[in-house]
Amino acid sequence: MAIESQQLKDHLLQTDQGFRQLVEQHQELDTRLDELAHQHYLSDPEQVEEVTLKKRKLQLKDRMQDILRRHADPQTA
């Protein structure tokens, strides 16, 4: 099942521009969060940014999962 899920994700990355954009945004947020995580100290604005980025990243993940579910089971769409 994990293989089918990965194949569907790969297919959507190639064929669905909206899905691809969500993945790219998710990766950009992940990169920024990684940068923040490697700092020894976060200023107050950086702490707020970190929380905001984590929330945004979860929103993007939820949207990607919704798209994957709709394509995996088109009858529920």
PDB file of N, CA and C in Angstrom:
ATOM      1  N   MET A   1       0.819  -1.187   0.000  1.00  0.00           N
ATOM      2  CA  MET A   1       0.000   0.000   0.000  1.00  0.00           C
ATOM      3  C   MET A   1       0.865   1.253   0.000  1.00  0.00           C
ATOM      4  N   ALA A   2       1.975   1.223   0.710  1.00  0.00           N
ATOM      5  CA  ALA A   2       2.868   2.370   0.730  1.00  0.00           C
ATOM      6  C   ALA A   2       3.456   2.628  -0.651  1.00  0.00           C
ATOM      7  N   ILE A   3       3.699   1.558  -1.397  1.00  0.00           N
ATOM      8  CA  ILE A   3       4.235   1.701  -2.753  1.00  0.00           C
ATOM      9  C   ILE A   3       3.200   2.374  -3.643  1.00  0.00           C
ATOM     10  N   GLU A   4       1.942   1.961  -3.534  1.00  0.00           N
ATOM     11  CA  GLU A   4       0.883   2.576  -4.324  1.00  0.00           C
ATOM     12  C   GLU A   4       0.737   4.047  -3.968  1.00  0.00           C
ATOM     13  N   SER A   5       0.824   4.364  -2.699  1.00  0.00           N
ATOM     14  CA  SER A   5       0.717   5.743  -2.243  1.00  0.00           C
ATOM     15  C   SER A   5       1.858   6.586  -2.820  1.00  0.00           C
ATOM     16  N   GLN A   6       3.066   6.045  -2.800  1.00  0.00           N
ATOM     17  CA  GLN A   6       4.210   6.769  -3.355  1.00  0.00           C
ATOM     18  C   GLN A   6       4.061   6.931  -4.861  1.00  0.00           C
ATOM     19  N   GLN A   7       3.547   5.908  -5.529  1.00  0.00           N
ATOM     20  CA  GLN A   7       3.331   6.000  -6.973  1.00  0.00           C
ATOM     21  C   GLN A   7       2.301   7.067  -7.293  1.00  0.00           C
ATOM     22  N   LEU A   8       1.247   7.146  -6.492  1.00  0.00           N
ATOM     23  CA  LEU A   8       0.227   8.178  -6.700  1.00  0.00           C
ATOM     24  C   LEU A   8       0.825   9.559  -6.481  1.00  0.00           C
ATOM     25  N   LYS A   9       1.615   9.699  -5.437  1.00  0.00           N
ATOM     26  CA  LYS A   9       2.262  10.987  -5.162  1.00  0.00           C
ATOM     27  C   LYS A   9       3.190  11.373  -6.312  1.00  0.00           C
ATOM     28  N   ASP A  10       3.975  10.436  -6.795  1.00  0.00           N
ATOM     29  CA  ASP A  10       4.871  10.699  -7.928  1.00  0.00           C
ATOM     30  C   ASP A  10       4.075  11.097  -9.161  1.00  0.00           C
ATOM     31  N   HIS A  11       2.966  10.411  -9.405  1.00  0.00           N
ATOM     32  CA  HIS A  11       2.117  10.728 -10.550  1.00  0.00           C
ATOM     33  C   HIS A  11       1.559  12.147 -10.432  1.00  0.00           C
ATOM     34  N   LEU A  12       1.066  12.509  -9.247  1.00  0.00           N
ATOM     35  CA  LEU A  12       0.506  13.841  -9.046  1.00  0.00           C
ATOM     36  C   LEU A  12       1.578  14.925  -9.165  1.00  0.00           C
ATOM     37  N   LEU A  13       2.781  14.621  -8.728  1.00  0.00           N
ATOM     38  CA  LEU A  13       3.868  15.592  -8.867  1.00  0.00           C
ATOM     39  C   LEU A  13       4.144  15.897 -10.339  1.00  0.00           C
ATOM     40  N   GLN A  14       3.955  14.901 -11.189  1.00  0.00           N
ATOM     41  CA  GLN A  14       4.203  15.072 -12.617  1.00  0.00           C
ATOM     42  C   GLN A  14       3.019  15.694 -13.349  1.00  0.00           C
ATOM     43  N   THR A  15       1.803  15.457 -12.858  1.00  0.00           N
ATOM     44  CA  THR A  15       0.625  15.827 -13.639  1.00  0.00           C
ATOM     45  C   THR A  15      -0.236  16.926 -13.030  1.00  0.00           C
ATOM     46  N   ASP A  16      -0.094  17.210 -11.751  1.00  0.00           N
ATOM     47  CA  ASP A  16      -0.960  18.173 -11.073  1.00  0.00           C
ATOM     48  C   ASP A  16      -0.144  19.357 -10.566  1.00  0.00           C
ATOM     49  N   GLN A  17      -0.272  20.479 -11.263  1.00  0.00           N
ATOM     50  CA  GLN A  17       0.528  21.652 -10.909  1.00  0.00           C
ATOM     51  C   GLN A  17       0.192  22.158  -9.506  1.00  0.00           C
ATOM     52  N   GLY A  18      -1.070  22.123  -9.124  1.00  0.00           N
ATOM     53  CA  GLY A  18      -1.468  22.572  -7.790  1.00  0.00           C
ATOM     54  C   GLY A  18      -0.842  21.724  -6.698  1.00  0.00           C
ATOM     55  N   PHE A  19      -0.858  20.414  -6.891  1.00  0.00           N
ATOM     56  CA  PHE A  19      -0.237  19.507  -5.916  1.00  0.00           C
ATOM     57  C   PHE A  19       1.260  19.765  -5.846  1.00  0.00           C
ATOM     58  N   ARG A  20       1.881  19.934  -7.006  1.00  0.00           N
ATOM     59  CA  ARG A  20       3.327  20.192  -7.061  1.00  0.00           C
ATOM     60  C   ARG A  20       3.666  21.485  -6.313  1.00  0.00           C
ATOM     61  N   GLN A  21       2.840  22.514  -6.460  1.00  0.00           N
ATOM     62  CA  GLN A  21       3.088  23.775  -5.765  1.00  0.00           C
ATOM     63  C   GLN A  21       2.966  23.611  -4.250  1.00  0.00           C
ATOM     64  N   LEU A  22       1.988  22.826  -3.818  1.00  0.00           N
ATOM     65  CA  LEU A  22       1.853  22.567  -2.388  1.00  0.00           C
ATOM     66  C   LEU A  22       3.093  21.863  -1.835  1.00  0.00           C
ATOM     67  N   VAL A  23       3.591  20.881  -2.575  1.00  0.00           N
ATOM     68  CA  VAL A  23       4.785  20.149  -2.146  1.00  0.00           C
ATOM     69  C   VAL A  23       5.990  21.091  -2.082  1.00  0.00           C
ATOM     70  N   GLU A  24       6.133  21.944  -3.083  1.00  0.00           N
ATOM     71  CA  GLU A  24       7.259  22.884  -3.096  1.00  0.00           C
ATOM     72  C   GLU A  24       7.181  23.859  -1.928  1.00  0.00           C
ATOM     73  N   GLN A  25       5.979  24.376  -1.648  1.00  0.00           N
ATOM     74  CA  GLN A  25       5.809  25.280  -0.512  1.00  0.00           C
ATOM     75  C   GLN A  25       6.128  24.564   0.799  1.00  0.00           C
ATOM     76  N   HIS A  26       5.677  23.319   0.911  1.00  0.00           N
ATOM     77  CA  HIS A  26       5.938  22.516   2.105  1.00  0.00           C
ATOM     78  C   HIS A  26       7.444  22.335   2.309  1.00  0.00           C
ATOM     79  N   GLN A  27       8.150  22.067   1.224  1.00  0.00           N
ATOM     80  CA  GLN A  27       9.605  21.883   1.303  1.00  0.00           C
ATOM     81  C   GLN A  27      10.306  23.190   1.683  1.00  0.00           C
ATOM     82  N   GLU A  28       9.831  24.318   1.158  1.00  0.00           N
ATOM     83  CA  GLU A  28      10.416  25.616   1.505  1.00  0.00           C
ATOM     84  C   GLU A  28      10.245  25.908   2.994  1.00  0.00           C
ATOM     85  N   LEU A  29       9.058  25.626   3.520  1.00  0.00           N
ATOM     86  CA  LEU A  29       8.818  25.831   4.949  1.00  0.00           C
ATOM     87  C   LEU A  29       9.699  24.905   5.771  1.00  0.00           C
ATOM     88  N   ASP A  30       9.850  23.682   5.321  1.00  0.00           N
ATOM     89  CA  ASP A  30      10.698  22.716   6.017  1.00  0.00           C
ATOM     90  C   ASP A  30      12.145  23.202   6.066  1.00  0.00           C
ATOM     91  N   THR A  31      12.611  23.768   4.962  1.00  0.00           N
ATOM     92  CA  THR A  31      13.977  24.295   4.902  1.00  0.00           C
ATOM     93  C   THR A  31      14.159  25.439   5.893  1.00  0.00           C
ATOM     94  N   ARG A  32      13.192  26.347   5.928  1.00  0.00           N
ATOM     95  CA  ARG A  32      13.282  27.485   6.852  1.00  0.00           C
ATOM     96  C   ARG A  32      13.214  27.012   8.304  1.00  0.00           C
ATOM     97  N   LEU A  33      12.344  26.058   8.585  1.00  0.00           N
ATOM     98  CA  LEU A  33      12.263  25.532   9.943  1.00  0.00           C
ATOM     99  C   LEU A  33      13.561  24.851  10.358  1.00  0.00           C
ATOM    100  N   ASP A  34      14.196  24.180   9.411  1.00  0.00           N
ATOM    101  CA  ASP A  34      15.488  23.551   9.693  1.00  0.00           C
ATOM    102  C   ASP A  34      16.532  24.613  10.021  1.00  0.00           C
ATOM    103  N   GLU A  35      16.502  25.729   9.292  1.00  0.00           N
ATOM    104  CA  GLU A  35      17.431  26.829   9.580  1.00  0.00           C
ATOM    105  C   GLU A  35      17.211  27.363  10.995  1.00  0.00           C
ATOM    106  N   LEU A  36      15.948  27.544  11.349  1.00  0.00           N
ATOM    107  CA  LEU A  36      15.643  28.048  12.688  1.00  0.00           C
ATOM    108  C   LEU A  36      16.055  27.045  13.762  1.00  0.00           C
ATOM    109  N   ALA A  37      15.873  25.770  13.489  1.00  0.00           N
ATOM    110  CA  ALA A  37      16.210  24.737  14.466  1.00  0.00           C
ATOM    111  C   ALA A  37      17.705  24.664  14.756  1.00  0.00           C
ATOM    112  N   HIS A  38      18.518  25.078  13.800  1.00  0.00           N
ATOM    113  CA  HIS A  38      19.965  25.007  13.988  1.00  0.00           C
ATOM    114  C   HIS A  38      20.542  26.245  14.665  1.00  0.00           C
ATOM    115  N   GLN A  39      19.690  27.200  14.981  1.00  0.00           N
ATOM    116  CA  GLN A  39      20.177  28.373  15.705  1.00  0.00           C
ATOM    117  C   GLN A  39      20.212  28.059  17.195  1.00  0.00           C
ATOM    118  N   HIS A  40      21.193  28.633  17.875  1.00  0.00           N
ATOM    119  CA  HIS A  40      21.322  28.392  19.312  1.00  0.00           C
ATOM    120  C   HIS A  40      20.266  29.143  20.101  1.00  0.00           C
ATOM    121  N   TYR A  41      19.857  30.274  19.562  1.00  0.00           N
ATOM    122  CA  TYR A  41      18.879  31.112  20.255  1.00  0.00           C
ATOM    123  C   TYR A  41      17.949  31.721  19.230  1.00  0.00           C
ATOM    124  N   LEU A  42      16.642  31.700  19.526  1.00  0.00           N
ATOM    125  CA  LEU A  42      15.667  32.335  18.653  1.00  0.00           C
ATOM    126  C   LEU A  42      15.141  33.590  19.327  1.00  0.00           C
ATOM    127  N   SER A  43      15.165  34.679  18.584  1.00  0.00           N
ATOM    128  CA  SER A  43      14.577  35.915  19.087  1.00  0.00           C
ATOM    129  C   SER A  43      13.065  35.738  19.179  1.00  0.00           C
ATOM    130  N   ASP A  44      12.402  36.660  19.820  1.00  0.00           N
ATOM    131  CA  ASP A  44      10.945  36.574  19.924  1.00  0.00           C
ATOM    132  C   ASP A  44      10.284  36.516  18.550  1.00  0.00           C
ATOM    133  N   PRO A  45      10.670  37.388  17.614  1.00  0.00           N
ATOM    134  CA  PRO A  45      10.052  37.289  16.280  1.00  0.00           C
ATOM    135  C   PRO A  45      10.337  35.955  15.586  1.00  0.00           C
ATOM    136  N   GLU A  46      11.520  35.405  15.801  1.00  0.00           N
ATOM    137  CA  GLU A  46      11.852  34.104  15.208  1.00  0.00           C
ATOM    138  C   GLU A  46      11.024  32.983  15.839  1.00  0.00           C
ATOM    139  N   GLN A  47      10.737  33.088  17.119  1.00  0.00           N
ATOM    140  CA  GLN A  47       9.900  32.087  17.772  1.00  0.00           C
ATOM    141  C   GLN A  47       8.483  32.130  17.206  1.00  0.00           C
ATOM    142  N   VAL A  48       7.981  33.335  16.995  1.00  0.00           N
ATOM    143  CA  VAL A  48       6.650  33.495  16.400  1.00  0.00           C
ATOM    144  C   VAL A  48       6.655  32.951  14.974  1.00  0.00           C
ATOM    145  N   GLU A  49       7.714  33.256  14.243  1.00  0.00           N
ATOM    146  CA  GLU A  49       7.841  32.751  12.874  1.00  0.00           C
ATOM    147  C   GLU A  49       7.844  31.222  12.869  1.00  0.00           C
ATOM    148  N   GLU A  50       8.567  30.624  13.793  1.00  0.00           N
ATOM    149  CA  GLU A  50       8.645  29.167  13.854  1.00  0.00           C
ATOM    150  C   GLU A  50       7.262  28.541  14.068  1.00  0.00           C
ATOM    151  N   VAL A  51       6.509  29.086  15.005  1.00  0.00           N
ATOM    152  CA  VAL A  51       5.172  28.569  15.285  1.00  0.00           C
ATOM    153  C   VAL A  51       4.272  28.751  14.063  1.00  0.00           C
ATOM    154  N   THR A  52       4.346  29.922  13.441  1.00  0.00           N
ATOM    155  CA  THR A  52       3.536  30.213  12.262  1.00  0.00           C
ATOM    156  C   THR A  52       3.883  29.273  11.117  1.00  0.00           C
ATOM    157  N   LEU A  53       5.175  29.039  10.897  1.00  0.00           N
ATOM    158  CA  LEU A  53       5.613  28.152   9.825  1.00  0.00           C
ATOM    159  C   LEU A  53       5.156  26.713  10.066  1.00  0.00           C
ATOM    160  N   LYS A  54       5.212  26.279  11.306  1.00  0.00           N
ATOM    161  CA  LYS A  54       4.765  24.918  11.628  1.00  0.00           C
ATOM    162  C   LYS A  54       3.273  24.755  11.343  1.00  0.00           C
ATOM    163  N   LYS A  55       2.492  25.755  11.700  1.00  0.00           N
ATOM    164  CA  LYS A  55       1.052  25.695  11.433  1.00  0.00           C
ATOM    165  C   LYS A  55       0.781  25.688   9.936  1.00  0.00           C
ATOM    166  N   ARG A  56       1.479  26.547   9.209  1.00  0.00           N
ATOM    167  CA  ARG A  56       1.299  26.620   7.757  1.00  0.00           C
ATOM    168  C   ARG A  56       1.706  25.303   7.095  1.00  0.00           C
ATOM    169  N   LYS A  57       2.793  24.721   7.580  1.00  0.00           N
ATOM    170  CA  LYS A  57       3.272  23.455   7.033  1.00  0.00           C
ATOM    171  C   LYS A  57       2.235  22.345   7.245  1.00  0.00           C
ATOM    172  N   LEU A  58       1.598  22.316   8.411  1.00  0.00           N
ATOM    173  CA  LEU A  58       0.558  21.333   8.673  1.00  0.00           C
ATOM    174  C   LEU A  58      -0.659  21.551   7.775  1.00  0.00           C
ATOM    175  N   GLN A  59      -1.002  22.817   7.528  1.00  0.00           N
ATOM    176  CA  GLN A  59      -2.116  23.113   6.626  1.00  0.00           C
ATOM    177  C   GLN A  59      -1.827  22.591   5.224  1.00  0.00           C
ATOM    178  N   LEU A  60      -0.614  22.816   4.761  1.00  0.00           N
ATOM    179  CA  LEU A  60      -0.230  22.328   3.440  1.00  0.00           C
ATOM    180  C   LEU A  60      -0.270  20.804   3.384  1.00  0.00           C
ATOM    181  N   LYS A  61       0.221  20.170   4.440  1.00  0.00           N
ATOM    182  CA  LYS A  61       0.213  18.707   4.482  1.00  0.00           C
ATOM    183  C   LYS A  61      -1.220  18.178   4.434  1.00  0.00           C
ATOM    184  N   ASP A  62      -2.114  18.822   5.171  1.00  0.00           N
ATOM    185  CA  ASP A  62      -3.525  18.409   5.154  1.00  0.00           C
ATOM    186  C   ASP A  62      -4.116  18.538   3.754  1.00  0.00           C
ATOM    187  N   ARG A  63      -3.805  19.625   3.062  1.00  0.00           N
ATOM    188  CA  ARG A  63      -4.314  19.822   1.706  1.00  0.00           C
ATOM    189  C   ARG A  63      -3.763  18.764   0.756  1.00  0.00           C
ATOM    190  N   MET A  64      -2.472  18.434   0.907  1.00  0.00           N
ATOM    191  CA  MET A  64      -1.882  17.397   0.059  1.00  0.00           C
ATOM    192  C   MET A  64      -2.530  16.045   0.342  1.00  0.00           C
ATOM    193  N   GLN A  65      -2.772  15.746   1.613  1.00  0.00           N
ATOM    194  CA  GLN A  65      -3.405  14.475   1.974  1.00  0.00           C
ATOM    195  C   GLN A  65      -4.823  14.400   1.416  1.00  0.00           C
ATOM    196  N   ASP A  66      -5.542  15.519   1.423  1.00  0.00           N
ATOM    197  CA  ASP A  66      -6.890  15.545   0.847  1.00  0.00           C
ATOM    198  C   ASP A  66      -6.845  15.215  -0.641  1.00  0.00           C
ATOM    199  N   ILE A  67      -5.892  15.804  -1.337  1.00  0.00           N
ATOM    200  CA  ILE A  67      -5.748  15.543  -2.779  1.00  0.00           C
ATOM    201  C   ILE A  67      -5.409  14.074  -3.010  1.00  0.00           C
ATOM    202  N   LEU A  68      -4.490  13.537  -2.225  1.00  0.00           N
ATOM    203  CA  LEU A  68      -4.115  12.126  -2.366  1.00  0.00           C
ATOM    204  C   LEU A  68      -5.308  11.211  -2.109  1.00  0.00           C
ATOM    205  N   ARG A  69      -6.095  11.519  -1.083  1.00  0.00           N
ATOM    206  CA  ARG A  69      -7.278  10.702  -0.779  1.00  0.00           C
ATOM    207  C   ARG A  69      -8.291  10.758  -1.920  1.00  0.00           C
ATOM    208  N   ARG A  70      -8.522  11.946  -2.466  1.00  0.00           N
ATOM    209  CA  ARG A  70      -9.485  12.091  -3.562  1.00  0.00           C
ATOM    210  C   ARG A  70      -9.050  11.290  -4.783  1.00  0.00           C
ATOM    211  N   HIS A  71      -7.757  11.286  -5.063  1.00  0.00           N
ATOM    212  CA  HIS A  71      -7.265  10.539  -6.234  1.00  0.00           C
ATOM    213  C   HIS A  71      -7.174   9.038  -5.953  1.00  0.00           C
ATOM    214  N   ALA A  72      -6.964   8.667  -4.719  1.00  0.00           N
ATOM    215  CA  ALA A  72      -6.878   7.248  -4.385  1.00  0.00           C
ATOM    216  C   ALA A  72      -8.258   6.602  -4.414  1.00  0.00           C
ATOM    217  N   ASP A  73      -9.279   7.369  -4.056  1.00  0.00           N
ATOM    218  CA  ASP A  73     -10.652   6.856  -4.044  1.00  0.00           C
ATOM    219  C   ASP A  73     -11.568   7.897  -4.670  1.00  0.00           C
ATOM    220  N   PRO A  74     -11.645   7.942  -5.997  1.00  0.00           N
ATOM    221  CA  PRO A  74     -12.412   8.978  -6.690  1.00  0.00           C
ATOM    222  C   PRO A  74     -13.900   8.953  -6.358  1.00  0.00           C
ATOM    223  N   GLN A  75     -14.421   7.861  -5.839  1.00  0.00           N
ATOM    224  CA  GLN A  75     -15.840   7.780  -5.504  1.00  0.00           C
ATOM    225  C   GLN A  75     -16.207   8.670  -4.328  1.00  0.00           C
ATOM    226  N   THR A  76     -15.241   8.994  -3.458  1.00  0.00           N
ATOM    227  CA  THR A  76     -15.520   9.834  -2.292  1.00  0.00           C
ATOM    228  C   THR A  76     -15.408  11.304  -2.628  1.00  0.00           C
ATOM    229  N   ALA A  77     -14.910  11.647  -3.803  1.00  0.00           N
ATOM    230  CA  ALA A  77     -14.738  13.053  -4.177  1.00  0.00           C
ATOM    231  C   ALA A  77     -16.056  13.677  -4.567  1.00  0.00           C
TER     232      ALA A  77
END
